[in-house]
Amino acid sequence: MTLAIMMASHSTCKRTQVGCVVVTSDAMRVLAVGYNGSYRGGPNTCDRETPGDCGCLHAEDNACIKLDYNDQSDKVIYCTHMPCSYCAKRIVNAGIREAIYFHEYRKTEGLQILNKAEVKVTKMENWELCLQPDREPGDLRQLIRTPEVQSPGHFPVGRVLDQAAQDQDPVPDAGQEKALPA
């Protein structure tokens, strides 16, 4: 979910910054990322000031455009905001079987579409904890194991973060750069 928040920081929308990430259900591969904004190479502004009609491509739409539809992996999408009805349709058509989000959206048609299409939907509570730089890894695992809103009995993020904590490299010393993979 932290990656979705980071993607939202790239948004060019003046009103709401939204980010999302699509991963395999085992969270071993990031399949696509997206944020709401203009077209590639376009102006970094909204086309209009009208709420819901600013002209920005939505984060989920941008991510789904980048998906490899030949990859038949089970997919999960993490969104900073509940998907709108258009994005919910795009999520269903992309074959994404689970959606996890932080913020409510003013319209709930998207949630209804996802539920009708049997996409598991979960609202994560206390999302601000993801942004705290001094938090302990266990704090976040505890956060995401809170009761779900729509999908009782299924919430793989705790497993994902447990694995990530085990795989995490030691933090480099101050002033030492960590090499990025090629």
Protein backbone atom coordinates (compact mmCIF):
# COMPACT_ATOMS: atom_id res chain seq x y z
CA MET A 1 0.00 0.00 0.00
CA THR A 2 2.94 2.29 0.61
CA LEU A 3 3.75 2.09 -3.11
CA ALA A 4 0.20 3.23 -3.95
CA ILE A 5 0.68 6.22 -1.65
CA MET A 6 4.00 7.00 -3.32
CA MET A 7 2.36 6.82 -6.75
CA ALA A 8 -0.32 9.28 -5.59
CA SER A 9 2.44 11.80 -4.91
CA HIS A 10 3.09 11.90 -8.69
CA SER A 11 -0.50 12.94 -9.43
CA THR A 12 -1.02 16.14 -11.37
CA CYS A 13 -4.66 16.53 -10.32
CA LYS A 14 -5.31 19.70 -8.30
CA ARG A 15 -8.21 18.22 -6.31
CA THR A 16 -7.40 14.63 -5.34
CA GLN A 17 -4.15 12.72 -5.64
CA VAL A 18 -4.82 9.02 -6.23
CA GLY A 19 -2.33 6.20 -6.65
CA CYS A 20 -2.58 2.46 -7.13
CA VAL A 21 -0.49 -0.64 -7.67
CA VAL A 22 -1.47 -4.01 -9.16
CA VAL A 23 0.40 -7.02 -7.82
CA THR A 24 0.16 -10.79 -8.06
CA SER A 25 -1.97 -12.32 -5.31
CA ASP A 26 1.19 -13.64 -3.60
CA ALA A 27 2.61 -10.08 -3.78
CA MET A 28 5.84 -11.32 -5.33
CA ARG A 29 5.51 -9.19 -8.49
CA VAL A 30 4.37 -5.66 -9.17
CA LEU A 31 2.43 -5.84 -12.43
CA ALA A 32 1.53 -2.18 -12.94
CA VAL A 33 1.33 1.17 -11.17
CA GLY A 34 -0.75 4.24 -11.83
CA TYR A 35 -1.71 7.69 -10.63
CA ASN A 36 -4.27 10.19 -11.81
CA GLY A 37 -2.96 12.73 -14.26
CA SER A 38 -2.70 13.84 -17.83
CA TYR A 39 -1.63 11.83 -20.87
CA ARG A 40 2.03 10.95 -21.41
CA GLY A 41 3.93 14.11 -22.22
CA GLY A 42 0.83 16.24 -21.61
CA PRO A 43 0.47 19.26 -19.35
CA ASN A 44 0.79 18.65 -15.62
CA THR A 45 -2.56 20.25 -14.86
CA CYS A 46 -6.24 19.40 -14.87
CA ASP A 47 -8.23 20.23 -17.99
CA ARG A 48 -11.14 21.60 -15.95
CA GLU A 49 -11.97 22.54 -12.35
CA THR A 50 -15.23 20.54 -12.21
CA PRO A 51 -15.13 17.83 -9.48
CA GLY A 52 -15.39 14.42 -11.13
CA ASP A 53 -14.70 15.91 -14.55
CA CYS A 54 -11.21 17.39 -14.29
CA GLY A 55 -10.07 15.50 -17.39
CA CYS A 56 -7.34 13.50 -15.63
CA LEU A 57 -6.94 9.81 -16.36
CA HIS A 58 -7.69 7.86 -13.18
CA ALA A 59 -4.96 5.95 -11.35
CA GLU A 60 -6.69 2.58 -11.82
CA ASP A 61 -7.17 3.29 -15.51
CA ASN A 62 -3.49 4.17 -15.93
CA ALA A 63 -2.44 0.98 -14.14
CA CYS A 64 -4.83 -1.27 -16.07
CA ILE A 65 -3.60 0.18 -19.37
CA LYS A 66 -0.09 -1.00 -18.45
CA LEU A 67 -1.09 -4.56 -17.49
CA ASP A 68 0.11 -7.50 -19.56
CA TYR A 69 -3.17 -9.28 -20.28
CA ASN A 70 -1.30 -12.43 -21.33
CA ASP A 71 -0.19 -12.82 -17.71
CA GLN A 72 -2.88 -15.01 -16.16
CA SER A 73 -1.69 -14.50 -12.55
CA ASP A 74 -4.30 -13.77 -9.90
CA LYS A 75 -4.18 -10.00 -9.38
CA VAL A 76 -4.80 -7.65 -6.45
CA ILE A 77 -5.09 -3.86 -6.77
CA TYR A 78 -4.19 -1.51 -3.90
CA CYS A 79 -5.75 1.96 -4.29
CA THR A 80 -5.49 5.04 -2.15
CA HIS A 81 -9.18 5.73 -2.90
CA MET A 82 -12.25 3.57 -3.53
CA PRO A 83 -12.58 3.11 -7.30
CA CYS A 84 -15.27 5.03 -9.19
CA SER A 85 -17.76 3.11 -11.35
CA TYR A 86 -15.67 3.50 -14.52
CA CYS A 87 -12.52 2.23 -12.83
CA ALA A 88 -14.44 -0.59 -11.15
CA LYS A 89 -15.52 -1.78 -14.60
CA ARG A 90 -11.93 -1.56 -15.81
CA ILE A 91 -10.77 -3.56 -12.75
CA VAL A 92 -13.35 -6.28 -13.43
CA ASN A 93 -12.39 -6.47 -17.13
CA ALA A 94 -8.69 -6.68 -16.19
CA GLY A 95 -9.40 -9.86 -14.23
CA ILE A 96 -8.38 -8.36 -10.90
CA ARG A 97 -9.97 -10.48 -8.15
CA GLU A 98 -9.30 -8.30 -5.11
CA ALA A 99 -9.31 -4.55 -4.40
CA ILE A 100 -7.98 -2.89 -1.24
CA TYR A 101 -8.39 0.86 -0.65
CA PHE A 102 -7.96 3.58 2.02
CA HIS A 103 -10.27 6.52 1.34
CA GLU A 104 -13.98 6.46 0.58
CA TYR A 105 -15.21 8.00 -2.67
CA ARG A 106 -18.25 10.27 -2.69
CA LYS A 107 -20.11 7.85 -4.99
CA THR A 108 -20.45 4.15 -4.16
CA GLU A 109 -21.42 2.75 -7.57
CA GLY A 110 -17.87 1.44 -8.06
CA LEU A 111 -18.07 -0.59 -4.87
CA GLN A 112 -21.42 -2.01 -5.97
CA ILE A 113 -19.97 -3.04 -9.35
CA LEU A 114 -16.99 -4.76 -7.73
CA ASN A 115 -19.23 -6.61 -5.28
CA LYS A 116 -21.61 -7.70 -8.03
CA ALA A 117 -18.65 -9.01 -10.06
CA GLU A 118 -17.46 -10.92 -6.96
CA VAL A 119 -14.24 -8.94 -6.60
CA LYS A 120 -13.16 -9.08 -2.94
CA VAL A 121 -13.13 -5.54 -1.56
CA THR A 122 -11.45 -4.40 1.65
CA LYS A 123 -11.18 -0.94 3.19
CA MET A 124 -7.95 -0.44 5.11
CA GLU A 125 -8.31 1.62 8.28
CA ASN A 126 -5.77 4.06 9.76
CA TRP A 127 -3.84 4.45 6.52
CA GLU A 128 -1.82 7.34 7.96
CA LEU A 129 0.36 4.80 9.78
CA CYS A 130 1.86 3.78 6.41
CA LEU A 131 3.34 7.27 6.10
CA GLN A 132 5.01 7.49 9.52
CA PRO A 133 8.78 7.25 8.98
CA ASP A 134 9.50 6.19 12.58
CA ARG A 135 6.98 3.36 12.75
CA GLU A 136 8.08 -0.13 13.63
CA PRO A 137 7.37 -2.84 10.99
CA GLY A 138 5.09 -4.63 13.46
CA ASP A 139 2.92 -1.51 13.72
CA LEU A 140 1.90 -1.80 10.08
CA ARG A 141 1.27 -5.54 10.28
CA GLN A 142 -1.03 -4.89 13.23
CA LEU A 143 -2.85 -2.17 11.27
CA ILE A 144 -3.64 -4.32 8.28
CA ARG A 145 -4.99 -7.17 10.33
CA THR A 146 -7.88 -5.03 11.47
CA PRO A 147 -11.34 -6.35 10.52
CA GLU A 148 -12.25 -5.98 6.88
CA VAL A 149 -15.27 -4.16 5.57
CA GLN A 150 -16.39 -6.34 2.65
CA SER A 151 -14.25 -9.48 2.60
CA PRO A 152 -14.44 -11.43 5.85
CA GLY A 153 -11.77 -14.04 6.31
CA HIS A 154 -9.46 -12.89 3.52
CA PHE A 155 -6.79 -10.23 3.81
CA PRO A 156 -3.35 -11.27 2.52
CA VAL A 157 -1.51 -8.02 3.23
CA GLY A 158 -0.27 -9.22 6.63
CA ARG A 159 1.37 -12.19 4.93
CA VAL A 160 2.84 -9.86 2.32
CA LEU A 161 4.38 -7.54 4.89
CA ASP A 162 5.68 -10.43 7.00
CA GLN A 163 7.50 -11.72 3.90
CA ALA A 164 8.75 -8.24 3.02
CA ALA A 165 10.19 -7.79 6.52
CA GLN A 166 12.05 -11.12 6.20
CA ASP A 167 13.42 -10.20 2.75
CA GLN A 168 14.39 -6.63 3.68
CA ASP A 169 18.05 -5.71 3.19
CA PRO A 170 19.85 -4.03 6.08
CA VAL A 171 19.61 -0.25 5.99
CA PRO A 172 22.84 1.28 4.59
CA ASP A 173 24.90 3.51 6.86
CA ALA A 174 24.31 7.24 6.61
CA GLY A 175 26.09 8.65 3.58
CA GLN A 176 26.39 5.22 1.96
CA GLU A 177 24.36 4.78 -1.22
CA LYS A 178 22.52 1.56 -1.83
CA ALA A 179 23.05 0.20 -5.34
CA LEU A 180 19.88 -0.16 -7.38
CA PRO A 181 19.34 -3.38 -9.34
CA ALA A 182 20.08 -3.13 -13.05
